[in-house]
Amino acid sequence: MAEQRSKLGRDVYIALAAIGWADGQLDEEEADAIVRTALEEGLELEEIQEIEAATQKPVDIGVIDRKNMSKEDRLFVYAVASWMTRLDGLVSSKELDALAKLGEALKVPAGPRAHADAIAQEVANFAEGDRPARYDLVQLRRIIGERLQADQAARG
């Protein structure tokens, strides 16, 4: 049976909203993706409302509480943010800067960031997977977990 994973906190979704706003606009698909991910995570209604508010007006990445986040959690959040930056087909320097800031806040080194980005692209390349309504967040999380386990086993 799979390990019980920790629940990602509201600050993670606020940070994702900040990534979405980095290019000056957060489109409806990006906002929906953020809120849908938070809903799937099982956050409380009050937290969802705060996240929805962050999708309505620009916010800063701010502080991310990593104390209950596993390496898999941090890579998943980075991968979702990486995918979001490509939703409109253009990746601006502001988005790349915000993504780098998120990676630093999550304490994800450059190598694992590149792997998380590649996995996000892989999932986006599934049939219609690049659209938020069809992007398979569960699959993204599963692949990240499997690859982490395989990497640990190879080193172990």
Protein backbone atom coordinates (compact mmCIF):
# COMPACT_ATOMS: atom_id res chain seq x y z
CA MET A 1 0.00 0.00 0.00
CA ALA A 2 1.24 3.52 -0.80
CA GLU A 3 2.49 5.78 1.96
CA GLN A 4 0.13 8.42 3.25
CA ARG A 5 1.30 11.70 1.77
CA SER A 6 1.08 14.99 3.57
CA LYS A 7 -1.53 17.52 2.55
CA LEU A 8 -0.20 20.55 0.73
CA GLY A 9 -1.08 23.77 2.54
CA ARG A 10 -2.87 26.84 1.24
CA ASP A 11 0.42 28.73 0.94
CA VAL A 12 1.46 26.34 -1.84
CA TYR A 13 -1.60 27.30 -3.87
CA ILE A 14 -1.08 30.98 -3.17
CA ALA A 15 2.45 30.51 -4.55
CA LEU A 16 1.03 28.81 -7.64
CA ALA A 17 -1.28 31.80 -8.13
CA ALA A 18 1.77 34.09 -7.88
CA ILE A 19 3.46 32.02 -10.62
CA GLY A 20 0.34 32.43 -12.74
CA TRP A 21 0.35 36.20 -12.20
CA ALA A 22 4.08 36.53 -13.03
CA ASP A 23 3.40 37.47 -16.65
CA GLY A 24 0.90 40.14 -15.57
CA GLN A 25 -2.23 38.07 -16.04
CA LEU A 26 -3.66 34.88 -14.65
CA ASP A 27 -5.98 33.38 -17.22
CA GLU A 28 -9.12 31.50 -16.31
CA GLU A 29 -7.62 28.10 -17.15
CA GLU A 30 -4.65 28.71 -14.87
CA ALA A 31 -6.93 29.90 -12.06
CA ASP A 32 -9.17 26.86 -12.51
CA ALA A 33 -6.13 24.55 -12.41
CA ILE A 34 -4.96 26.06 -9.12
CA VAL A 35 -8.36 25.85 -7.45
CA ARG A 36 -9.01 22.34 -8.82
CA THR A 37 -5.67 21.13 -7.46
CA ALA A 38 -6.47 22.61 -4.03
CA LEU A 39 -9.93 21.01 -4.07
CA GLU A 40 -8.42 17.64 -5.01
CA GLU A 41 -6.00 18.06 -2.12
CA GLY A 42 -8.98 18.32 0.23
CA LEU A 43 -8.36 21.77 1.67
CA GLU A 44 -10.96 23.45 3.85
CA LEU A 45 -13.55 25.77 2.29
CA GLU A 46 -12.00 28.82 3.99
CA GLU A 47 -8.60 27.96 2.50
CA ILE A 48 -10.16 27.43 -0.95
CA GLN A 49 -11.76 30.89 -0.69
CA GLU A 50 -8.35 32.43 0.12
CA ILE A 51 -6.83 30.62 -2.86
CA GLU A 52 -9.66 31.79 -5.14
CA ALA A 53 -9.01 35.36 -3.94
CA ALA A 54 -5.33 34.96 -4.89
CA THR A 55 -6.44 34.02 -8.40
CA GLN A 56 -8.43 37.27 -8.69
CA LYS A 57 -5.58 39.75 -8.13
CA PRO A 58 -1.78 39.53 -8.26
CA VAL A 59 -0.02 38.12 -5.20
CA ASP A 60 3.60 37.50 -4.20
CA ILE A 61 4.98 34.00 -3.74
CA GLY A 62 5.63 34.83 -0.12
CA VAL A 63 6.60 32.19 2.41
CA ILE A 64 5.94 28.51 1.85
CA ASP A 65 5.75 26.32 4.93
CA ARG A 66 7.82 23.29 3.93
CA LYS A 67 7.98 21.60 7.31
CA ASN A 68 5.28 19.03 6.44
CA MET A 69 6.25 18.69 2.78
CA SER A 70 8.12 15.66 1.54
CA LYS A 71 10.59 15.82 -1.33
CA GLU A 72 7.83 14.38 -3.53
CA ASP A 73 5.43 17.15 -2.42
CA ARG A 74 7.98 19.85 -3.23
CA LEU A 75 8.75 18.37 -6.65
CA PHE A 76 5.03 18.05 -7.40
CA VAL A 77 4.39 21.71 -6.57
CA TYR A 78 7.34 22.78 -8.70
CA ALA A 79 6.16 20.57 -11.60
CA VAL A 80 2.62 22.02 -11.45
CA ALA A 81 4.06 25.55 -11.48
CA SER A 82 6.36 24.67 -14.38
CA TRP A 83 3.41 23.30 -16.37
CA MET A 84 1.34 26.40 -15.60
CA THR A 85 3.99 28.72 -17.02
CA ARG A 86 3.56 27.04 -20.42
CA LEU A 87 -0.26 27.04 -20.56
CA ASP A 88 -0.54 30.14 -22.74
CA GLY A 89 2.19 28.92 -25.09
CA LEU A 90 4.65 31.65 -24.05
CA VAL A 91 7.07 31.60 -21.14
CA SER A 92 8.16 35.09 -20.12
CA SER A 93 11.31 36.00 -18.25
CA LYS A 94 9.08 37.14 -15.36
CA GLU A 95 7.51 33.67 -15.24
CA LEU A 96 10.94 32.04 -15.29
CA ASP A 97 12.07 34.35 -12.46
CA ALA A 98 8.96 33.51 -10.43
CA LEU A 99 9.50 29.80 -11.08
CA ALA A 100 13.12 30.12 -9.91
CA LYS A 101 11.92 31.95 -6.78
CA LEU A 102 9.44 29.13 -6.12
CA GLY A 103 12.17 26.52 -6.59
CA GLU A 104 14.33 28.36 -4.06
CA ALA A 105 11.43 28.70 -1.61
CA LEU A 106 10.78 24.96 -1.93
CA LYS A 107 14.53 24.21 -1.61
CA VAL A 108 14.51 22.19 -4.85
CA PRO A 109 17.99 22.08 -6.46
CA ALA A 110 18.49 22.75 -10.19
CA GLY A 111 18.82 19.08 -11.23
CA PRO A 112 15.56 17.95 -9.61
CA ARG A 113 13.85 21.07 -11.00
CA ALA A 114 14.81 19.98 -14.51
CA HIS A 115 13.49 16.46 -13.85
CA ALA A 116 10.20 17.82 -12.43
CA ASP A 117 9.86 20.09 -15.46
CA ALA A 118 10.44 17.14 -17.82
CA ILE A 119 7.81 15.05 -16.02
CA ALA A 120 5.33 17.96 -16.18
CA GLN A 121 5.94 18.12 -19.96
CA GLU A 122 5.57 14.36 -20.28
CA VAL A 123 2.15 14.46 -18.60
CA ALA A 124 1.13 17.49 -20.68
CA ASN A 125 1.93 15.49 -23.81
CA PHE A 126 -0.69 12.86 -22.96
CA ALA A 127 -3.84 13.16 -25.10
CA GLU A 128 -5.22 16.65 -24.48
CA GLY A 129 -3.17 16.72 -21.28
CA ASP A 130 -1.97 20.26 -21.79
CA ARG A 131 -5.39 21.71 -21.04
CA PRO A 132 -6.13 22.31 -17.36
CA ALA A 133 -9.42 20.42 -17.34
CA ARG A 134 -7.68 17.34 -18.73
CA TYR A 135 -4.23 17.64 -17.17
CA ASP A 136 -3.76 14.56 -15.02
CA LEU A 137 -2.46 15.90 -11.71
CA VAL A 138 -2.85 12.49 -10.07
CA GLN A 139 -0.70 10.93 -12.80
CA LEU A 140 1.87 13.72 -12.40
CA ARG A 141 2.12 13.03 -8.68
CA ARG A 142 2.31 9.26 -9.26
CA ILE A 143 5.12 9.54 -11.83
CA ILE A 144 7.14 11.86 -9.58
CA GLY A 145 6.75 9.39 -6.69
CA GLU A 146 7.71 6.40 -8.83
CA ARG A 147 10.77 8.13 -10.27
CA LEU A 148 11.90 9.24 -6.81
CA GLN A 149 11.59 5.68 -5.53
CA ALA A 150 13.48 4.30 -8.54
CA ASP A 151 16.23 6.90 -8.04
CA GLN A 152 16.52 6.05 -4.34
CA ALA A 153 16.62 2.31 -5.12
CA ALA A 154 19.34 2.85 -7.74
CA ARG A 155 21.44 4.75 -5.19
CA GLY A 156 20.59 2.45 -2.30
